[in-house]
Amino acid sequence: MSFLVRFWGVRGSIPTPGRTTKRIGGNTSCVDVRWGDELFICDAGTGIRELGSELMASAAGPLTAHFFFSHMHWDHIQGFPFFTPVYLPQNTFHVHSPVRGDDAFHKLLSGQMESRYFPVAFRDLSAKILPQDMDGTRKEIAGVRVTCFEQRHPGTSWAWSFERDGVKVVYATDNEIDLTLPDPAAVERDPQQFRRVPPGFVQFCRDADLLIADGQYSDAEYPKKVGWGHTRATTLVDLAIAADVKQLALFHHDPLRGDADVDAMVSVCRERAARFGHGTFIFAAREGLELRIDGRR
């Protein structure tokens, strides 16, 4: 058995359809992770509409799935009202909150469907949409160990780890790792030096077979965006090295970055990994990409 990971939306901040983004994709964040028949959905940006269409076409009976949101900013929830399976009464969706007793994720999903924002009310969704607690920071679902980690982002965001039989996938978007470094200003003085990511987050990502992470900014862009909640892509490289990550998917691409610009970012990151002598495979997350992840790679 292995995890099947599929990318439905990889863009950050706002959808960016157009000729310059048609290869990487312009939909906002949505990734699904499967283990056998178990379906885990990470975020519900505009990419989730296509996931819903695929599920409708392939469903042979009632559907059960688990939602794990990084946070509730628009680009991570705006596709939910267009996710067709939530309109069918035979389906069940569990919305998992990282904070015990907190149903904020559930409330915000319904809040964006108030009449002033959307013509269909949340109460008109026929599927069962159930808020669920995590057991502290971890929970087991059908043998998959799910773990969460609080990240640095305006309003807070959460990273999620899915692990079973020694195979591990981490989804960690919207996290300003650069502000958590011991000396953030040191990067400006010497961008080439290795950046020491806090050990707690390194341990959370430790030995991941796939790390999907927000690398929205280049080294040149970041100083003008400090506090906006996103990371230098090159800092992700240092995290992947420290955590001995096998594969790193650059995710949450900036809306101003076209396909060629994303390619250039990947090249910079690969050169940095090679300079530090590490074999992490680095690539750009793109819509339509499917990966089967097992313990070998």
C-alpha atoms as a PDB file:
ATOM      1  CA  MET A   1       0.000   0.000   0.000  1.00  0.00           C
ATOM      2  CA  SER A   2       1.037   3.591  -0.568  1.00  0.00           C
ATOM      3  CA  PHE A   3      -0.310   7.141  -0.478  1.00  0.00           C
ATOM      4  CA  LEU A   4      -1.760   8.596  -3.657  1.00  0.00           C
ATOM      5  CA  VAL A   5      -1.397  12.387  -3.698  1.00  0.00           C
ATOM      6  CA  ARG A   6      -3.174  14.550  -6.258  1.00  0.00           C
ATOM      7  CA  PHE A   7      -2.846  18.300  -6.798  1.00  0.00           C
ATOM      8  CA  TRP A   8      -6.043  20.164  -7.740  1.00  0.00           C
ATOM      9  CA  GLY A   9      -5.021  23.729  -6.880  1.00  0.00           C
ATOM     10  CA  VAL A  10      -1.478  24.987  -6.259  1.00  0.00           C
ATOM     11  CA  ARG A  11      -1.751  28.780  -6.443  1.00  0.00           C
ATOM     12  CA  GLY A  12      -1.710  31.199  -3.530  1.00  0.00           C
ATOM     13  CA  SER A  13      -3.784  34.263  -2.664  1.00  0.00           C
ATOM     14  CA  ILE A  14      -6.105  34.445  -5.691  1.00  0.00           C
ATOM     15  CA  PRO A  15      -6.955  32.330  -8.751  1.00  0.00           C
ATOM     16  CA  THR A  16      -4.781  33.185 -11.745  1.00  0.00           C
ATOM     17  CA  PRO A  17      -6.170  31.700 -14.965  1.00  0.00           C
ATOM     18  CA  GLY A  18      -4.377  32.738 -18.155  1.00  0.00           C
ATOM     19  CA  ARG A  19      -1.821  31.839 -20.759  1.00  0.00           C
ATOM     20  CA  THR A  20       1.186  32.380 -18.460  1.00  0.00           C
ATOM     21  CA  THR A  21      -0.069  29.954 -15.802  1.00  0.00           C
ATOM     22  CA  LYS A  22      -1.758  27.231 -17.852  1.00  0.00           C
ATOM     23  CA  ARG A  23       0.953  24.583 -17.281  1.00  0.00           C
ATOM     24  CA  ILE A  24       1.392  24.984 -13.498  1.00  0.00           C
ATOM     25  CA  GLY A  25      -2.232  25.980 -13.010  1.00  0.00           C
ATOM     26  CA  GLY A  26      -4.135  28.944 -11.604  1.00  0.00           C
ATOM     27  CA  ASN A  27      -6.511  27.390  -9.067  1.00  0.00           C
ATOM     28  CA  THR A  28      -5.998  27.985  -5.348  1.00  0.00           C
ATOM     29  CA  SER A  29      -5.020  25.397  -2.772  1.00  0.00           C
ATOM     30  CA  CYS A  30      -6.486  21.911  -2.789  1.00  0.00           C
ATOM     31  CA  VAL A  31      -4.662  18.577  -2.458  1.00  0.00           C
ATOM     32  CA  ASP A  32      -6.118  15.163  -1.820  1.00  0.00           C
ATOM     33  CA  VAL A  33      -4.265  12.350  -0.084  1.00  0.00           C
ATOM     34  CA  ARG A  34      -5.560   8.768  -0.298  1.00  0.00           C
ATOM     35  CA  TRP A  35      -4.699   5.552   1.444  1.00  0.00           C
ATOM     36  CA  GLY A  36      -6.794   2.811  -0.097  1.00  0.00           C
ATOM     37  CA  ASP A  37     -10.406   3.928   0.172  1.00  0.00           C
ATOM     38  CA  GLU A  38      -9.683   6.635   2.737  1.00  0.00           C
ATOM     39  CA  LEU A  39      -9.828  10.175   1.333  1.00  0.00           C
ATOM     40  CA  PHE A  40      -8.179  13.137   3.081  1.00  0.00           C
ATOM     41  CA  ILE A  41      -8.757  16.573   1.518  1.00  0.00           C
ATOM     42  CA  CYS A  42      -6.328  19.372   2.374  1.00  0.00           C
ATOM     43  CA  ASP A  43      -7.933  22.793   1.885  1.00  0.00           C
ATOM     44  CA  ALA A  44     -10.844  23.753  -0.349  1.00  0.00           C
ATOM     45  CA  GLY A  45      -9.578  26.483  -2.654  1.00  0.00           C
ATOM     46  CA  THR A  46     -10.931  26.784  -6.182  1.00  0.00           C
ATOM     47  CA  GLY A  47      -9.155  23.578  -7.186  1.00  0.00           C
ATOM     48  CA  ILE A  48     -11.695  21.542  -5.209  1.00  0.00           C
ATOM     49  CA  ARG A  49     -14.325  22.062  -7.905  1.00  0.00           C
ATOM     50  CA  GLU A  50     -12.403  19.738 -10.238  1.00  0.00           C
ATOM     51  CA  LEU A  51     -11.904  17.235  -7.422  1.00  0.00           C
ATOM     52  CA  GLY A  52     -15.656  17.236  -6.882  1.00  0.00           C
ATOM     53  CA  SER A  53     -16.274  16.573 -10.568  1.00  0.00           C
ATOM     54  CA  GLU A  54     -13.857  13.642 -10.507  1.00  0.00           C
ATOM     55  CA  LEU A  55     -15.481  12.182  -7.395  1.00  0.00           C
ATOM     56  CA  MET A  56     -18.932  12.491  -8.942  1.00  0.00           C
ATOM     57  CA  ALA A  57     -17.775  10.687 -12.072  1.00  0.00           C
ATOM     58  CA  SER A  58     -16.053   7.841 -10.201  1.00  0.00           C
ATOM     59  CA  ALA A  59     -18.360   7.329  -7.207  1.00  0.00           C
ATOM     60  CA  ALA A  60     -19.943   3.879  -6.996  1.00  0.00           C
ATOM     61  CA  GLY A  61     -21.872   4.612  -3.805  1.00  0.00           C
ATOM     62  CA  PRO A  62     -21.900   6.911  -0.761  1.00  0.00           C
ATOM     63  CA  LEU A  63     -18.752   8.952  -0.259  1.00  0.00           C
ATOM     64  CA  THR A  64     -16.986   9.607   3.047  1.00  0.00           C
ATOM     65  CA  ALA A  65     -14.033  11.989   3.254  1.00  0.00           C
ATOM     66  CA  HIS A  66     -12.063  13.990   5.820  1.00  0.00           C
ATOM     67  CA  PHE A  67     -11.271  17.707   5.501  1.00  0.00           C
ATOM     68  CA  PHE A  68      -8.075  19.181   6.947  1.00  0.00           C
ATOM     69  CA  PHE A  69      -7.765  22.946   6.552  1.00  0.00           C
ATOM     70  CA  SER A  70      -4.528  24.850   6.929  1.00  0.00           C
ATOM     71  CA  HIS A  71      -6.602  27.922   7.830  1.00  0.00           C
ATOM     72  CA  MET A  72      -9.683  29.761   6.656  1.00  0.00           C
ATOM     73  CA  HIS A  73      -8.395  32.553   4.433  1.00  0.00           C
ATOM     74  CA  TRP A  74     -10.426  32.897   1.236  1.00  0.00           C
ATOM     75  CA  ASP A  75      -7.990  31.187  -1.098  1.00  0.00           C
ATOM     76  CA  HIS A  76      -8.274  28.030   1.021  1.00  0.00           C
ATOM     77  CA  ILE A  77     -12.067  27.812   1.344  1.00  0.00           C
ATOM     78  CA  GLN A  78     -13.573  29.659  -1.630  1.00  0.00           C
ATOM     79  CA  GLY A  79     -14.100  26.502  -3.690  1.00  0.00           C
ATOM     80  CA  PHE A  80     -16.143  24.695  -1.033  1.00  0.00           C
ATOM     81  CA  PRO A  81     -19.587  25.917  -2.206  1.00  0.00           C
ATOM     82  CA  PHE A  82     -18.770  24.549  -5.680  1.00  0.00           C
ATOM     83  CA  PHE A  83     -17.789  21.084  -4.388  1.00  0.00           C
ATOM     84  CA  THR A  84     -20.696  19.106  -5.835  1.00  0.00           C
ATOM     85  CA  PRO A  85     -20.549  16.064  -3.492  1.00  0.00           C
ATOM     86  CA  VAL A  86     -21.676  18.195  -0.517  1.00  0.00           C
ATOM     87  CA  TYR A  87     -25.091  18.552  -2.181  1.00  0.00           C
ATOM     88  CA  LEU A  88     -25.828  14.803  -2.100  1.00  0.00           C
ATOM     89  CA  PRO A  89     -27.523  13.339   1.013  1.00  0.00           C
ATOM     90  CA  GLN A  90     -25.704   9.994   0.886  1.00  0.00           C
ATOM     91  CA  ASN A  91     -22.291  11.600   1.441  1.00  0.00           C
ATOM     92  CA  THR A  92     -20.494  12.345   4.727  1.00  0.00           C
ATOM     93  CA  PHE A  93     -17.676  14.814   5.327  1.00  0.00           C
ATOM     94  CA  HIS A  94     -15.745  15.171   8.574  1.00  0.00           C
ATOM     95  CA  VAL A  95     -14.203  18.611   9.178  1.00  0.00           C
ATOM     96  CA  HIS A  96     -11.290  18.134  11.584  1.00  0.00           C
ATOM     97  CA  SER A  97     -10.264  20.936  13.922  1.00  0.00           C
ATOM     98  CA  PRO A  98      -6.800  21.025  15.513  1.00  0.00           C
ATOM     99  CA  VAL A  99      -8.202  22.623  18.665  1.00  0.00           C
ATOM    100  CA  ARG A 100     -10.360  20.456  20.910  1.00  0.00           C
ATOM    101  CA  GLY A 101     -13.921  21.719  21.183  1.00  0.00           C
ATOM    102  CA  ASP A 102     -13.374  24.392  18.508  1.00  0.00           C
ATOM    103  CA  ASP A 103     -15.770  24.263  15.558  1.00  0.00           C
ATOM    104  CA  ALA A 104     -14.478  27.493  13.978  1.00  0.00           C
ATOM    105  CA  PHE A 105     -13.585  25.754  10.718  1.00  0.00           C
ATOM    106  CA  HIS A 106     -17.126  24.414  10.439  1.00  0.00           C
ATOM    107  CA  LYS A 107     -18.613  27.847  11.264  1.00  0.00           C
ATOM    108  CA  LEU A 108     -16.457  29.701   8.735  1.00  0.00           C
ATOM    109  CA  LEU A 109     -17.373  27.279   5.963  1.00  0.00           C
ATOM    110  CA  SER A 110     -21.031  28.014   6.649  1.00  0.00           C
ATOM    111  CA  GLY A 111     -20.382  31.730   7.138  1.00  0.00           C
ATOM    112  CA  GLN A 112     -19.030  32.239   3.624  1.00  0.00           C
ATOM    113  CA  MET A 113     -22.360  30.897   2.305  1.00  0.00           C
ATOM    114  CA  GLU A 114     -24.504  33.560   3.958  1.00  0.00           C
ATOM    115  CA  SER A 115     -26.861  35.240   1.479  1.00  0.00           C
ATOM    116  CA  ARG A 116     -24.759  38.393   1.279  1.00  0.00           C
ATOM    117  CA  TYR A 117     -21.848  36.339  -0.086  1.00  0.00           C
ATOM    118  CA  PHE A 118     -23.425  33.356  -1.889  1.00  0.00           C
ATOM    119  CA  PRO A 119     -26.904  32.468  -3.215  1.00  0.00           C
ATOM    120  CA  VAL A 120     -27.062  28.961  -1.686  1.00  0.00           C
ATOM    121  CA  ALA A 121     -27.163  28.638   2.118  1.00  0.00           C
ATOM    122  CA  PHE A 122     -25.017  26.154   4.022  1.00  0.00           C
ATOM    123  CA  ARG A 123     -28.184  24.594   5.437  1.00  0.00           C
ATOM    124  CA  ASP A 124     -29.186  23.647   1.886  1.00  0.00           C
ATOM    125  CA  LEU A 125     -26.231  21.275   1.583  1.00  0.00           C
ATOM    126  CA  SER A 126     -27.694  17.786   1.796  1.00  0.00           C
ATOM    127  CA  ALA A 127     -24.552  15.867   2.780  1.00  0.00           C
ATOM    128  CA  LYS A 128     -23.680  15.275   6.418  1.00  0.00           C
ATOM    129  CA  ILE A 129     -20.924  17.781   7.317  1.00  0.00           C
ATOM    130  CA  LEU A 130     -19.656  16.939  10.784  1.00  0.00           C
ATOM    131  CA  PRO A 131     -17.154  18.871  12.928  1.00  0.00           C
ATOM    132  CA  GLN A 132     -14.524  16.634  14.508  1.00  0.00           C
ATOM    133  CA  ASP A 133     -11.837  17.222  17.154  1.00  0.00           C
ATOM    134  CA  MET A 134      -8.267  16.091  17.005  1.00  0.00           C
ATOM    135  CA  ASP A 135      -7.075  14.143  20.041  1.00  0.00           C
ATOM    136  CA  GLY A 136      -4.582  16.781  21.079  1.00  0.00           C
ATOM    137  CA  THR A 137      -2.226  17.100  18.109  1.00  0.00           C
ATOM    138  CA  ARG A 138      -2.765  13.642  16.639  1.00  0.00           C
ATOM    139  CA  LYS A 139      -5.477  11.249  15.607  1.00  0.00           C
ATOM    140  CA  GLU A 140      -5.686   7.877  13.901  1.00  0.00           C
ATOM    141  CA  ILE A 141      -8.115   7.416  11.030  1.00  0.00           C
ATOM    142  CA  ALA A 142      -8.341   3.959   9.447  1.00  0.00           C
ATOM    143  CA  GLY A 143      -4.770   3.238  10.463  1.00  0.00           C
ATOM    144  CA  VAL A 144      -3.411   6.560   9.152  1.00  0.00           C
ATOM    145  CA  ARG A 145      -1.795   8.665  11.879  1.00  0.00           C
ATOM    146  CA  VAL A 146      -2.736  12.304  11.352  1.00  0.00           C
ATOM    147  CA  THR A 147      -0.696  14.936  13.196  1.00  0.00           C
ATOM    148  CA  CYS A 148      -0.956  18.732  13.188  1.00  0.00           C
ATOM    149  CA  PHE A 149       1.510  21.536  13.929  1.00  0.00           C
ATOM    150  CA  GLU A 150       0.759  25.217  14.542  1.00  0.00           C
ATOM    151  CA  GLN A 151       2.490  27.538  12.059  1.00  0.00           C
ATOM    152  CA  ARG A 152       3.426  31.221  11.824  1.00  0.00           C
ATOM    153  CA  HIS A 153       0.747  32.989   9.769  1.00  0.00           C
ATOM    154  CA  PRO A 154      -1.661  35.916  10.350  1.00  0.00           C
ATOM    155  CA  GLY A 155      -4.565  34.365  12.254  1.00  0.00           C
ATOM    156  CA  THR A 156      -2.593  31.090  12.625  1.00  0.00           C
ATOM    157  CA  SER A 157      -2.339  28.174  10.209  1.00  0.00           C
ATOM    158  CA  TRP A 158      -1.774  24.446  10.662  1.00  0.00           C
ATOM    159  CA  ALA A 159       0.447  21.897   8.986  1.00  0.00           C
ATOM    160  CA  TRP A 160      -0.823  18.328   8.637  1.00  0.00           C
ATOM    161  CA  SER A 161       1.119  15.069   8.507  1.00  0.00           C
ATOM    162  CA  PHE A 162      -0.274  11.756   7.238  1.00  0.00           C
ATOM    163  CA  GLU A 163       1.689   8.630   8.112  1.00  0.00           C
ATOM    164  CA  ARG A 164       1.170   4.892   7.801  1.00  0.00           C
ATOM    165  CA  ASP A 165       3.440   1.853   7.467  1.00  0.00           C
ATOM    166  CA  GLY A 166       6.547   4.046   7.513  1.00  0.00           C
ATOM    167  CA  VAL A 167       5.311   6.314   4.674  1.00  0.00           C
ATOM    168  CA  LYS A 168       4.832  10.006   5.452  1.00  0.00           C
ATOM    169  CA  VAL A 169       3.262  12.929   3.572  1.00  0.00           C
ATOM    170  CA  VAL A 170       3.298  16.463   5.034  1.00  0.00           C
ATOM    171  CA  TYR A 171       1.084  19.350   3.896  1.00  0.00           C
ATOM    172  CA  ALA A 172       2.460  22.618   5.276  1.00  0.00           C
ATOM    173  CA  THR A 173       1.283  25.718   3.473  1.00  0.00           C
ATOM    174  CA  ASP A 174       1.017  29.363   4.593  1.00  0.00           C
ATOM    175  CA  ASN A 175       3.846  29.355   7.097  1.00  0.00           C
ATOM    176  CA  GLU A 176       6.322  32.223   7.491  1.00  0.00           C
ATOM    177  CA  ILE A 177       9.276  30.087   8.525  1.00  0.00           C
ATOM    178  CA  ASP A 178      11.680  32.994   8.012  1.00  0.00           C
ATOM    179  CA  LEU A 179      10.266  34.848  11.045  1.00  0.00           C
ATOM    180  CA  THR A 180      10.883  31.796  13.226  1.00  0.00           C
ATOM    181  CA  LEU A 181      14.604  31.577  12.451  1.00  0.00           C
ATOM    182  CA  PRO A 182      16.952  32.298  15.400  1.00  0.00           C
ATOM    183  CA  ASP A 183      18.245  35.438  13.660  1.00  0.00           C
ATOM    184  CA  PRO A 184      15.978  36.407  10.730  1.00  0.00           C
ATOM    185  CA  ALA A 185      18.152  39.408   9.865  1.00  0.00           C
ATOM    186  CA  ALA A 186      21.159  37.133   9.298  1.00  0.00           C
ATOM    187  CA  VAL A 187      19.631  35.962   6.012  1.00  0.00           C
ATOM    188  CA  GLU A 188      19.839  39.486   4.621  1.00  0.00           C
ATOM    189  CA  ARG A 189      23.479  39.753   5.643  1.00  0.00           C
ATOM    190  CA  ASP A 190      24.391  36.444   4.029  1.00  0.00           C
ATOM    191  CA  PRO A 191      21.665  34.713   1.957  1.00  0.00           C
ATOM    192  CA  GLN A 192      24.026  31.839   1.169  1.00  0.00           C
ATOM    193  CA  GLN A 193      24.405  30.622   4.752  1.00  0.00           C
ATOM    194  CA  PHE A 194      22.396  27.627   5.945  1.00  0.00           C
ATOM    195  CA  ARG A 195      19.224  28.672   7.793  1.00  0.00           C
ATOM    196  CA  ARG A 196      18.421  26.955  11.093  1.00  0.00           C
ATOM    197  CA  VAL A 197      14.710  26.197  11.137  1.00  0.00           C
ATOM    198  CA  PRO A 198      13.334  25.682  14.687  1.00  0.00           C
ATOM    199  CA  PRO A 199      13.780  22.056  15.776  1.00  0.00           C
ATOM    200  CA  GLY A 200      10.091  21.507  16.529  1.00  0.00           C
ATOM    201  CA  PHE A 201       9.067  22.050  12.923  1.00  0.00           C
ATOM    202  CA  VAL A 202      12.079  20.129  11.632  1.00  0.00           C
ATOM    203  CA  GLN A 203      10.983  17.169  13.743  1.00  0.00           C
ATOM    204  CA  PHE A 204       7.408  17.473  12.478  1.00  0.00           C
ATOM    205  CA  CYS A 205       8.686  17.166   8.894  1.00  0.00           C
ATOM    206  CA  ARG A 206      11.373  14.597   9.741  1.00  0.00           C
ATOM    207  CA  ASP A 207      11.818  11.814   7.154  1.00  0.00           C
ATOM    208  CA  ALA A 208       8.823  12.891   5.071  1.00  0.00           C
ATOM    209  CA  ASP A 209       8.618  11.035   1.789  1.00  0.00           C
ATOM    210  CA  LEU A 210       6.831  14.100   0.405  1.00  0.00           C
ATOM    211  CA  LEU A 211       6.716  17.624   1.858  1.00  0.00           C
ATOM    212  CA  ILE A 212       4.211  19.977   0.216  1.00  0.00           C
ATOM    213  CA  ALA A 213       5.100  23.446   1.467  1.00  0.00           C
ATOM    214  CA  ASP A 214       4.522  27.133   0.830  1.00  0.00           C
ATOM    215  CA  GLY A 215       7.514  28.685  -0.904  1.00  0.00           C
ATOM    216  CA  GLN A 216       5.794  31.766  -2.277  1.00  0.00           C
ATOM    217  CA  TYR A 217       8.686  34.238  -2.274  1.00  0.00           C
ATOM    218  CA  SER A 218      12.160  34.535  -3.699  1.00  0.00           C
ATOM    219  CA  ASP A 219      15.030  35.909  -1.616  1.00  0.00           C
ATOM    220  CA  ALA A 220      14.654  39.272  -3.369  1.00  0.00           C
ATOM    221  CA  GLU A 221      10.885  39.472  -2.852  1.00  0.00           C
ATOM    222  CA  TYR A 222      10.642  38.485   0.786  1.00  0.00           C
ATOM    223  CA  PRO A 223      12.033  41.646   2.479  1.00  0.00           C
ATOM    224  CA  LYS A 224       9.074  43.618   1.098  1.00  0.00           C
ATOM    225  CA  LYS A 225       6.571  40.993   2.300  1.00  0.00           C
ATOM    226  CA  VAL A 226       7.712  40.381   5.886  1.00  0.00           C
ATOM    227  CA  GLY A 227       4.728  39.564   8.091  1.00  0.00           C
ATOM    228  CA  TRP A 228       2.503  38.493   5.203  1.00  0.00           C
ATOM    229  CA  GLY A 229       2.700  34.871   6.331  1.00  0.00           C
ATOM    230  CA  HIS A 230       4.728  33.178   3.594  1.00  0.00           C
ATOM    231  CA  THR A 231       8.230  31.800   3.189  1.00  0.00           C
ATOM    232  CA  ARG A 232      11.256  32.126   0.969  1.00  0.00           C
ATOM    233  CA  ALA A 233      11.467  29.045  -1.235  1.00  0.00           C
ATOM    234  CA  THR A 234      15.161  28.785  -0.417  1.00  0.00           C
ATOM    235  CA  THR A 235      14.349  28.541   3.293  1.00  0.00           C
ATOM    236  CA  LEU A 236      12.199  25.515   2.474  1.00  0.00           C
ATOM    237  CA  VAL A 237      15.270  23.888   0.953  1.00  0.00           C
ATOM    238  CA  ASP A 238      17.134  24.247   4.246  1.00  0.00           C
ATOM    239  CA  LEU A 239      14.136  22.820   6.127  1.00  0.00           C
ATOM    240  CA  ALA A 240      14.040  19.830   3.772  1.00  0.00           C
ATOM    241  CA  ILE A 241      17.753  19.234   4.270  1.00  0.00           C
ATOM    242  CA  ALA A 242      17.548  19.474   8.064  1.00  0.00           C
ATOM    243  CA  ALA A 243      14.518  17.144   8.168  1.00  0.00           C
ATOM    244  CA  ASP A 244      15.961  14.685   5.612  1.00  0.00           C
ATOM    245  CA  VAL A 245      12.921  15.053   3.343  1.00  0.00           C
ATOM    246  CA  LYS A 246      12.962  12.855   0.254  1.00  0.00           C
ATOM    247  CA  GLN A 247      10.817  15.034  -2.034  1.00  0.00           C
ATOM    248  CA  LEU A 248       9.882  18.719  -1.719  1.00  0.00           C
ATOM    249  CA  ALA A 249       6.950  20.154  -3.687  1.00  0.00           C
ATOM    250  CA  LEU A 250       7.048  23.958  -3.898  1.00  0.00           C
ATOM    251  CA  PHE A 251       3.450  25.057  -3.391  1.00  0.00           C
ATOM    252  CA  HIS A 252       1.222  28.152  -3.029  1.00  0.00           C
ATOM    253  CA  HIS A 253       2.820  29.849  -6.032  1.00  0.00           C
ATOM    254  CA  ASP A 254       2.604  33.634  -6.020  1.00  0.00           C
ATOM    255  CA  PRO A 255      -0.190  34.991  -8.271  1.00  0.00           C
ATOM    256  CA  LEU A 256       2.359  37.145 -10.125  1.00  0.00           C
ATOM    257  CA  ARG A 257       4.559  34.146 -10.954  1.00  0.00           C
ATOM    258  CA  GLY A 258       4.026  32.563 -14.356  1.00  0.00           C
ATOM    259  CA  ASP A 259       5.086  29.089 -15.407  1.00  0.00           C
ATOM    260  CA  ALA A 260       8.572  30.178 -16.488  1.00  0.00           C
ATOM    261  CA  ASP A 261       9.065  32.047 -13.218  1.00  0.00           C
ATOM    262  CA  VAL A 262       8.096  28.942 -11.226  1.00  0.00           C
ATOM    263  CA  ASP A 263      10.603  26.914 -13.253  1.00  0.00           C
ATOM    264  CA  ALA A 264      13.299  29.446 -12.400  1.00  0.00           C
ATOM    265  CA  MET A 265      12.423  29.207  -8.709  1.00  0.00           C
ATOM    266  CA  VAL A 266      12.765  25.419  -8.833  1.00  0.00           C
ATOM    267  CA  SER A 267      16.195  25.759 -10.473  1.00  0.00           C
ATOM    268  CA  VAL A 268      17.397  28.116  -7.734  1.00  0.00           C
ATOM    269  CA  CYS A 269      16.190  25.700  -5.058  1.00  0.00           C
ATOM    270  CA  ARG A 270      17.798  22.683  -6.708  1.00  0.00           C
ATOM    271  CA  GLU A 271      21.103  24.533  -6.977  1.00  0.00           C
ATOM    272  CA  ARG A 272      20.948  25.402  -3.283  1.00  0.00           C
ATOM    273  CA  ALA A 273      20.271  21.775  -2.290  1.00  0.00           C
ATOM    274  CA  ALA A 274      23.152  20.602  -4.467  1.00  0.00           C
ATOM    275  CA  ARG A 275      25.485  23.191  -2.930  1.00  0.00           C
ATOM    276  CA  PHE A 276      24.733  21.797   0.515  1.00  0.00           C
ATOM    277  CA  GLY A 277      25.229  18.277  -0.788  1.00  0.00           C
ATOM    278  CA  HIS A 278      21.723  16.970  -0.179  1.00  0.00           C
ATOM    279  CA  GLY A 279      19.681  14.687  -2.420  1.00  0.00           C
ATOM    280  CA  THR A 280      16.150  16.033  -1.774  1.00  0.00           C
ATOM    281  CA  PHE A 281      14.256  15.999  -5.070  1.00  0.00           C
ATOM    282  CA  ILE A 282      12.666  19.430  -5.562  1.00  0.00           C
ATOM    283  CA  PHE A 283       9.858  20.178  -8.002  1.00  0.00           C
ATOM    284  CA  ALA A 284       6.925  22.533  -8.506  1.00  0.00           C
ATOM    285  CA  ALA A 285       3.463  21.381  -7.513  1.00  0.00           C
ATOM    286  CA  ARG A 286       1.181  21.679 -10.533  1.00  0.00           C
ATOM    287  CA  GLU A 287      -2.469  20.997 -11.183  1.00  0.00           C
ATOM    288  CA  GLY A 288      -3.189  17.482 -12.406  1.00  0.00           C
ATOM    289  CA  LEU A 289      -0.026  15.980 -10.980  1.00  0.00           C
ATOM    290  CA  GLU A 290      -0.531  12.590  -9.298  1.00  0.00           C
ATOM    291  CA  LEU A 291       2.129  10.955  -7.142  1.00  0.00           C
ATOM    292  CA  ARG A 292       2.176   7.495  -5.630  1.00  0.00           C
ATOM    293  CA  ILE A 293       4.298   7.738  -2.491  1.00  0.00           C
ATOM    294  CA  ASP A 294       5.795   4.692  -0.826  1.00  0.00           C
ATOM    295  CA  GLY A 295       8.750   4.179   1.474  1.00  0.00           C
ATOM    296  CA  ARG A 296      11.210   3.927  -1.387  1.00  0.00           C
ATOM    297  CA  ARG A 297      10.387   7.384  -2.791  1.00  0.00           C
END
